[in-house]
Amino acid sequence: MDKDSKEALQIAKELTAKFIETRTVSPGNFAEVFPAVYRVVCEAIRQGNAPKEAGRD
């Protein structure tokens, strides 16, 4: 597992735990919610690491 995947896993775990704490997500549907949160976090990390286009800042 690469560094970005490990970071995404940790962030997704923390976010999902926070959702459970705030009762936005129940422990019963953790298996449904966690993969979606992980995908969103991975995509955000990839977009953040993408090289900038020439001429744009």
Protein backbone atom coordinates (compact mmCIF):
# COMPACT_ATOMS: atom_id res chain seq x y z
CA MET A 1 0.00 0.00 0.00
CA ASP A 2 1.49 3.34 -1.02
CA LYS A 3 1.74 6.45 1.14
CA ASP A 4 -1.34 8.14 -0.36
CA SER A 5 -3.49 5.04 0.13
CA LYS A 6 -2.41 4.74 3.76
CA GLU A 7 -3.16 8.41 4.34
CA ALA A 8 -6.57 8.07 2.67
CA LEU A 9 -7.36 5.02 4.79
CA GLN A 10 -6.51 6.85 8.01
CA ILE A 11 -8.52 9.95 7.06
CA ALA A 12 -11.52 7.90 5.92
CA LYS A 13 -11.42 5.95 9.19
CA GLU A 14 -11.35 9.15 11.24
CA LEU A 15 -14.14 10.76 9.21
CA THR A 16 -16.36 7.71 9.47
CA ALA A 17 -15.74 7.52 13.22
CA LYS A 18 -16.72 11.18 13.50
CA PHE A 19 -19.90 10.49 11.48
CA ILE A 20 -20.75 7.69 13.92
CA GLU A 21 -20.10 9.98 16.90
CA THR A 22 -22.43 12.62 15.47
CA ARG A 23 -25.00 9.94 14.63
CA THR A 24 -24.86 10.78 10.92
CA VAL A 25 -23.86 7.15 10.31
CA SER A 26 -24.75 4.16 12.43
CA PRO A 27 -22.33 1.34 13.21
CA GLY A 28 -24.78 -0.94 11.41
CA ASN A 29 -24.21 0.68 8.04
CA PHE A 30 -20.47 1.27 8.45
CA ALA A 31 -19.72 -1.31 5.73
CA GLU A 32 -21.84 0.64 3.26
CA VAL A 33 -20.52 4.10 4.12
CA PHE A 34 -16.79 3.51 4.64
CA PRO A 35 -15.93 2.50 1.02
CA ALA A 36 -17.69 5.60 -0.31
CA VAL A 37 -15.85 7.88 2.14
CA TYR A 38 -12.54 6.19 1.24
CA ARG A 39 -13.13 6.70 -2.50
CA VAL A 40 -13.90 10.40 -2.01
CA VAL A 41 -10.80 10.90 0.14
CA CYS A 42 -8.59 9.03 -2.37
CA GLU A 43 -9.91 11.16 -5.22
CA ALA A 44 -9.30 14.37 -3.26
CA ILE A 45 -5.72 13.30 -2.51
CA ARG A 46 -5.10 12.42 -6.17
CA GLN A 47 -6.49 15.76 -7.33
CA GLY A 48 -4.34 17.56 -4.79
CA ASN A 49 -1.23 15.75 -6.01
CA ALA A 50 -1.95 16.18 -9.72
CA PRO A 51 0.61 18.26 -11.59
CA LYS A 52 -0.62 21.73 -12.42
CA GLU A 53 -1.32 22.55 -16.06
CA ALA A 54 1.24 24.72 -17.83
CA GLY A 55 0.40 28.39 -17.49
CA ARG A 56 -2.01 27.94 -14.58
CA ASP A 57 -1.31 28.64 -10.89
